[in-house]
Amino acid sequence: METFSRFGNMFPPEEYMQHPYMLDRDPIQIADNLYYVGNLWCASHLIDTGDGLLLLDTPCTMNLPGLLGNIAKLGFNVTDVKHILISHAHTDHYGAVNALKAITGAKTYMGQIDAEDMHQPPEYLKKMNQSFGAYNEFFTPDVELEDGEHLVIGNTDIRCVVIPGHTRGTMAHFWETTVDGVPKKVGIYGGAGFGALSYSSLKNNAQPLALRKQFSESIRKVWDEEVDLMLGNHPFHNDVYQKGERVRAGEKDAFLDASEWKRFLGNLEEEYRTFLEMTEEEITEWFRESHLMEYYGLEKKDKEENRETVYQTAG
């Protein structure tokens, strides 16, 4: 396995965690009614359903100002967010839910399995909330989604598929949008990092050993999905900013690639197989240092020590 991997330690350096606005970048229109409103670290996607805005994943609360700014830059009002859908129970994807709900009154949705962990959160989730700053809070979803259930809002019909591994109840989502009026199939794999699946991490986090096998099975579960436009729940999973640059340069179809879904899953599967063969010492060394700045070609000012939470989310 190469030293650098988009599925490895991609946490921001400490300077960026202390100054989260440094992660902010402008929003990107991906399709006719689909927008990227996240940051350099974590993805958030906005869908204009025609019956209110739907937000897929929130950042940590420290990144909430950037999210609100991006929604405003697109010409929307944050109070137009009527629905919030969360992919899985990791703080960097649900941390700002309660804060957003207080502002918008939005209805919230999450998979039933991960919602159970919200009701009686294990210790590692509590540690994650604390490590990512104030106001990252558990929430009780208004609707708990089952495997294969459809979430239909306005012009958008999202099929929710349970893909355990990254968490017990991570979900992938599939729906249809349009690009220049032409229907296109969208897919997003809800949690691709596997650092939390080392034996030591599973033991420390009191998570079932079965997750190691389920992670592989989940990749195969959605392997044959038809996806014209792949999204990532982190921007480095589908190179969203690089594609955005291509769009700004005049390439209208930069986000369309019907081969990307299987290419992404194949890469994930290959790296995960290698991970399973690594020793605990090799895993520790591999995750010791973040490669987020290397990925973006940004200067890394401070060489950081490995964060405790790396094994708990790992991208």
Protein backbone atom coordinates (compact mmCIF):
# COMPACT_ATOMS: atom_id res chain seq x y z
CA MET A 1 0.00 0.00 0.00
CA GLU A 2 1.32 3.46 -0.86
CA THR A 3 2.13 5.85 1.96
CA PHE A 4 -0.51 8.26 0.70
CA SER A 5 -4.11 7.13 0.44
CA ARG A 6 -7.39 9.02 0.21
CA PHE A 7 -8.80 6.35 2.54
CA GLY A 8 -6.11 6.88 5.17
CA ASN A 9 -5.44 9.68 7.63
CA MET A 10 -6.95 12.74 5.96
CA PHE A 11 -7.61 14.78 9.08
CA PRO A 12 -6.77 18.49 8.84
CA PRO A 13 -3.55 19.60 10.52
CA GLU A 14 -4.00 21.08 13.98
CA GLU A 15 -3.68 24.64 12.66
CA TYR A 16 -6.74 24.06 10.49
CA MET A 17 -8.66 22.46 13.34
CA GLN A 18 -7.95 25.50 15.50
CA HIS A 19 -8.82 27.88 12.65
CA PRO A 20 -11.59 25.99 10.80
CA TYR A 21 -12.33 28.86 8.41
CA MET A 22 -9.06 27.93 6.69
CA LEU A 23 -10.90 24.86 5.34
CA ASP A 24 -13.63 26.93 3.69
CA ARG A 25 -13.91 27.25 -0.09
CA ASP A 26 -16.66 28.48 -2.41
CA PRO A 27 -19.61 26.20 -3.21
CA ILE A 28 -19.80 24.29 -6.50
CA GLN A 29 -22.81 23.56 -8.69
CA ILE A 30 -22.57 19.88 -9.63
CA ALA A 31 -25.85 19.41 -11.51
CA ASP A 32 -29.03 21.37 -12.20
CA ASN A 33 -30.32 21.11 -8.62
CA LEU A 34 -27.28 19.65 -6.81
CA TYR A 35 -24.54 21.64 -5.09
CA TYR A 36 -21.40 21.02 -3.05
CA VAL A 37 -21.49 23.23 0.07
CA GLY A 38 -18.88 21.45 2.18
CA ASN A 39 -15.23 22.27 2.84
CA LEU A 40 -11.77 20.84 2.14
CA TRP A 41 -12.25 18.14 4.76
CA CYS A 42 -15.89 17.04 4.88
CA ALA A 43 -18.59 16.97 2.24
CA SER A 44 -22.06 18.44 2.50
CA HIS A 45 -24.38 18.39 -0.50
CA LEU A 46 -27.44 20.52 -1.09
CA ILE A 47 -30.37 19.38 -3.22
CA ASP A 48 -33.11 21.78 -4.34
CA THR A 49 -36.04 19.36 -4.27
CA GLY A 50 -38.66 21.89 -5.30
CA ASP A 51 -40.19 21.31 -1.87
CA GLY A 52 -37.46 22.85 0.23
CA LEU A 53 -33.71 22.28 0.31
CA LEU A 54 -32.33 18.93 1.44
CA LEU A 55 -28.88 18.88 3.05
CA LEU A 56 -26.98 15.59 2.86
CA ASP A 57 -24.57 15.56 5.85
CA THR A 58 -23.48 18.48 8.00
CA PRO A 59 -19.97 19.38 9.13
CA CYS A 60 -18.78 19.68 12.70
CA THR A 61 -20.17 22.78 14.35
CA MET A 62 -16.78 24.49 14.06
CA ASN A 63 -17.32 24.42 10.28
CA LEU A 64 -20.94 25.60 10.43
CA PRO A 65 -20.17 29.25 9.49
CA GLY A 66 -18.57 28.07 6.24
CA LEU A 67 -21.59 25.91 5.43
CA LEU A 68 -24.01 28.79 6.09
CA GLY A 69 -21.83 31.07 3.96
CA ASN A 70 -21.85 28.63 1.05
CA ILE A 71 -25.62 28.27 1.15
CA ALA A 72 -25.94 32.06 1.05
CA LYS A 73 -23.41 32.38 -1.81
CA LEU A 74 -25.69 30.17 -3.92
CA GLY A 75 -28.54 32.60 -3.38
CA PHE A 76 -30.47 30.43 -0.94
CA ASN A 77 -31.61 31.24 2.56
CA VAL A 78 -30.60 28.81 5.29
CA THR A 79 -34.23 28.73 6.42
CA ASP A 80 -35.01 27.11 3.06
CA VAL A 81 -33.28 23.96 4.39
CA LYS A 82 -36.28 21.80 5.29
CA HIS A 83 -34.64 18.36 5.41
CA ILE A 84 -31.30 17.05 6.75
CA LEU A 85 -30.19 13.53 5.81
CA ILE A 86 -27.19 12.01 7.63
CA SER A 87 -25.11 9.21 6.12
CA HIS A 88 -23.63 7.76 9.32
CA ALA A 89 -22.92 8.32 13.00
CA HIS A 90 -19.57 10.09 12.92
CA THR A 91 -19.29 13.60 14.32
CA ASP A 92 -17.78 15.13 11.19
CA HIS A 93 -21.02 14.26 9.36
CA TYR A 94 -23.70 15.02 11.96
CA GLY A 95 -22.07 17.44 14.42
CA ALA A 96 -24.03 20.52 13.36
CA VAL A 97 -27.47 18.88 13.07
CA ASN A 98 -28.93 20.28 16.29
CA ALA A 99 -27.54 23.76 15.60
CA LEU A 100 -29.02 23.72 12.09
CA LYS A 101 -32.34 22.39 13.31
CA ALA A 102 -32.52 25.23 15.84
CA ILE A 103 -32.06 27.71 12.99
CA THR A 104 -34.22 26.06 10.33
CA GLY A 105 -36.67 23.68 12.03
CA ALA A 106 -35.62 21.10 9.41
CA LYS A 107 -36.80 17.50 9.58
CA THR A 108 -33.94 15.05 10.18
CA TYR A 109 -33.31 11.57 8.76
CA MET A 110 -30.79 8.83 9.55
CA GLY A 111 -30.45 5.08 9.22
CA GLN A 112 -32.15 3.09 11.97
CA ILE A 113 -29.01 1.15 12.95
CA ASP A 114 -26.81 4.20 13.52
CA ALA A 115 -29.73 5.96 15.20
CA GLU A 116 -29.54 3.23 17.86
CA ASP A 117 -25.99 4.33 18.62
CA MET A 118 -27.29 7.87 19.00
CA HIS A 119 -29.80 6.71 21.62
CA GLN A 120 -27.15 4.94 23.69
CA PRO A 121 -23.85 6.26 22.31
CA PRO A 122 -20.73 4.16 22.81
CA GLU A 123 -17.75 5.80 24.48
CA TYR A 124 -15.83 6.35 21.24
CA LEU A 125 -18.64 8.53 19.85
CA LYS A 126 -18.60 10.60 23.02
CA LYS A 127 -14.83 11.05 22.67
CA MET A 128 -15.24 12.13 19.05
CA ASN A 129 -17.78 14.78 19.97
CA GLN A 130 -15.47 16.16 22.65
CA SER A 131 -12.39 16.15 20.43
CA PHE A 132 -14.10 18.13 17.66
CA GLY A 133 -15.13 21.04 19.89
CA ALA A 134 -18.22 22.47 21.52
CA TYR A 135 -21.80 21.89 20.38
CA ASN A 136 -21.10 18.69 18.46
CA GLU A 137 -24.10 16.87 19.84
CA PHE A 138 -25.96 13.63 19.37
CA PHE A 139 -29.37 14.07 17.84
CA THR A 140 -32.56 12.05 17.63
CA PRO A 141 -33.62 11.77 13.98
CA ASP A 142 -37.24 12.51 13.20
CA VAL A 143 -37.25 9.59 10.77
CA GLU A 144 -35.18 6.40 11.08
CA LEU A 145 -34.59 4.83 7.67
CA GLU A 146 -34.52 1.11 6.88
CA ASP A 147 -32.36 -0.69 4.33
CA GLY A 148 -33.78 -0.11 0.85
CA GLU A 149 -36.23 2.56 1.99
CA HIS A 150 -37.00 5.47 -0.34
CA LEU A 151 -36.99 9.04 0.92
CA VAL A 152 -39.21 11.02 -1.46
CA ILE A 153 -39.18 14.80 -1.17
CA GLY A 154 -40.44 17.01 -3.98
CA ASN A 155 -38.70 16.07 -7.22
CA THR A 156 -36.14 13.84 -5.47
CA ASP A 157 -36.47 10.11 -4.68
CA ILE A 158 -33.47 8.90 -2.66
CA ARG A 159 -32.96 5.15 -2.18
CA CYS A 160 -31.14 4.42 1.09
CA VAL A 161 -28.96 1.30 1.27
CA VAL A 162 -27.26 0.06 4.44
CA ILE A 163 -23.53 -0.59 3.92
CA PRO A 164 -22.10 -1.54 7.35
CA GLY A 165 -18.38 -1.34 8.02
CA HIS A 166 -17.42 2.30 8.47
CA THR A 167 -20.10 2.31 11.17
CA ARG A 168 -22.68 -0.35 12.01
CA GLY A 169 -25.32 1.42 9.94
CA THR A 170 -23.60 3.57 7.31
CA MET A 171 -25.85 4.23 4.32
CA ALA A 172 -25.20 4.75 0.62
CA HIS A 173 -27.68 6.92 -1.27
CA PHE A 174 -28.88 6.78 -4.86
CA TRP A 175 -31.18 9.14 -6.73
CA GLU A 176 -31.70 10.85 -10.06
CA THR A 177 -30.87 14.43 -11.01
CA THR A 178 -30.48 16.27 -14.29
CA VAL A 179 -27.49 17.87 -15.98
CA ASP A 180 -28.56 20.44 -18.55
CA GLY A 181 -31.98 18.85 -18.38
CA VAL A 182 -30.74 15.31 -19.11
CA PRO A 183 -31.51 12.67 -16.40
CA LYS A 184 -28.46 11.28 -14.63
CA LYS A 185 -28.08 8.71 -11.85
CA VAL A 186 -26.28 9.89 -8.68
CA GLY A 187 -24.57 7.67 -6.12
CA ILE A 188 -22.66 8.33 -2.91
CA TYR A 189 -20.91 5.73 -0.76
CA GLY A 190 -21.62 6.86 2.78
CA GLY A 191 -18.36 5.92 4.53
CA ALA A 192 -15.19 4.67 2.86
CA GLY A 193 -12.53 4.97 5.56
CA PHE A 194 -11.41 1.75 7.24
CA GLY A 195 -8.89 2.82 9.86
CA ALA A 196 -11.40 2.07 12.61
CA LEU A 197 -11.40 -1.59 11.58
CA SER A 198 -8.02 -2.52 13.02
CA TYR A 199 -8.27 -5.11 15.79
CA SER A 200 -7.06 -2.62 18.40
CA SER A 201 -9.53 0.07 17.32
CA LEU A 202 -12.48 -2.31 17.30
CA LYS A 203 -11.54 -3.46 20.79
CA ASN A 204 -11.00 0.07 22.13
CA ASN A 205 -14.27 1.27 20.60
CA ALA A 206 -16.23 -1.82 21.71
CA GLN A 207 -17.34 -2.45 18.14
CA PRO A 208 -18.11 -5.91 16.71
CA LEU A 209 -15.35 -7.78 14.91
CA ALA A 210 -17.95 -8.64 12.23
CA LEU A 211 -17.55 -5.11 10.83
CA ARG A 212 -14.30 -6.21 9.15
CA LYS A 213 -16.13 -8.74 7.00
CA GLN A 214 -19.16 -6.52 6.52
CA PHE A 215 -17.01 -3.75 5.08
CA SER A 216 -15.97 -6.03 2.20
CA GLU A 217 -19.52 -7.30 1.74
CA SER A 218 -20.86 -3.75 1.57
CA ILE A 219 -18.58 -2.87 -1.35
CA ARG A 220 -19.97 -5.83 -3.28
CA LYS A 221 -23.53 -5.03 -2.22
CA VAL A 222 -23.54 -1.81 -4.25
CA TRP A 223 -20.97 -2.78 -6.88
CA ASP A 224 -23.49 -3.08 -9.73
CA GLU A 225 -25.36 0.15 -9.06
CA GLU A 226 -25.65 2.35 -12.14
CA VAL A 227 -24.03 5.68 -11.30
CA ASP A 228 -23.39 8.44 -13.84
CA LEU A 229 -22.33 11.01 -11.26
CA MET A 230 -20.44 9.85 -8.18
CA LEU A 231 -20.28 11.96 -5.04
CA GLY A 232 -18.00 11.47 -2.05
CA ASN A 233 -18.79 11.99 1.61
CA HIS A 234 -15.34 13.57 1.73
CA PRO A 235 -14.23 15.79 -1.18
CA PHE A 236 -11.01 13.85 -1.75
CA HIS A 237 -13.00 10.68 -2.53
CA ASN A 238 -14.31 12.07 -5.82
CA ASP A 239 -11.95 15.03 -6.40
CA VAL A 240 -14.78 17.53 -6.16
CA TYR A 241 -12.64 20.67 -6.14
CA GLN A 242 -10.56 19.56 -9.11
CA LYS A 243 -13.76 18.87 -11.05
CA GLY A 244 -15.11 22.24 -9.97
CA GLU A 245 -12.07 23.91 -11.50
CA ARG A 246 -12.76 22.07 -14.74
CA VAL A 247 -16.36 23.29 -14.69
CA ARG A 248 -15.18 26.86 -14.19
CA ALA A 249 -12.85 26.36 -17.15
CA GLY A 250 -15.86 25.54 -19.32
CA GLU A 251 -16.06 21.72 -19.08
CA LYS A 252 -19.78 21.25 -18.41
CA ASP A 253 -19.64 17.48 -17.92
CA ALA A 254 -16.69 17.37 -15.51
CA PHE A 255 -18.72 15.53 -12.85
CA LEU A 256 -20.12 12.94 -15.25
CA ASP A 257 -18.16 9.68 -15.40
CA ALA A 258 -20.09 6.41 -15.53
CA SER A 259 -16.90 4.44 -14.84
CA GLU A 260 -15.92 6.29 -11.66
CA TRP A 261 -18.20 4.33 -9.32
CA LYS A 262 -16.61 0.96 -10.01
CA ARG A 263 -13.16 2.50 -10.22
CA PHE A 264 -13.63 4.03 -6.77
CA LEU A 265 -15.02 0.84 -5.25
CA GLY A 266 -12.27 -1.24 -6.86
CA ASN A 267 -9.60 1.02 -5.40
CA LEU A 268 -11.30 0.91 -2.00
CA GLU A 269 -11.53 -2.88 -2.12
CA GLU A 270 -7.89 -3.28 -3.13
CA GLU A 271 -6.58 -0.97 -0.41
CA TYR A 272 -8.78 -2.57 2.20
CA ARG A 273 -7.44 -6.04 1.35
CA THR A 274 -3.91 -4.74 1.86
CA PHE A 275 -4.96 -3.11 5.12
CA LEU A 276 -6.28 -6.43 6.44
CA GLU A 277 -2.84 -7.97 5.93
CA MET A 278 -1.00 -5.23 7.83
CA THR A 279 0.24 -5.64 11.40
CA GLU A 280 -1.02 -3.34 14.13
CA GLU A 281 2.38 -1.62 14.11
CA GLU A 282 2.21 -1.05 10.35
CA ILE A 283 -1.31 0.38 10.66
CA THR A 284 -0.21 2.75 13.42
CA GLU A 285 2.69 3.98 11.32
CA TRP A 286 0.54 4.37 8.21
CA PHE A 287 -2.02 6.51 10.04
CA ARG A 288 0.50 8.49 12.04
CA GLU A 289 0.52 11.59 9.83
CA SER A 290 -2.22 13.33 7.86
CA HIS A 291 -1.94 13.65 4.08
CA LEU A 292 -4.77 16.12 3.54
CA MET A 293 -2.48 19.03 2.74
CA GLU A 294 -0.38 16.81 0.49
CA TYR A 295 -3.51 15.86 -1.45
CA TYR A 296 -4.42 19.51 -2.05
CA GLY A 297 -0.85 20.59 -2.66
CA LEU A 298 -1.03 23.00 0.27
CA GLU A 299 1.84 23.80 2.60
CA LYS A 300 1.72 21.91 5.86
CA LYS A 301 3.13 24.29 8.44
CA ASP A 302 3.07 22.09 11.49
CA LYS A 303 4.01 18.43 11.52
CA GLU A 304 1.39 16.99 13.81
CA GLU A 305 1.22 13.92 15.94
CA ASN A 306 -1.42 11.34 15.17
CA ARG A 307 -4.85 12.36 16.50
CA GLU A 308 -6.66 9.97 18.82
CA THR A 309 -9.76 10.07 16.63
CA VAL A 310 -8.01 8.93 13.46
CA TYR A 311 -8.91 5.31 14.12
CA GLN A 312 -12.47 6.25 14.95
CA THR A 313 -13.41 7.83 11.63
CA ALA A 314 -10.45 7.48 9.26
CA GLY A 315 -12.10 9.39 6.45
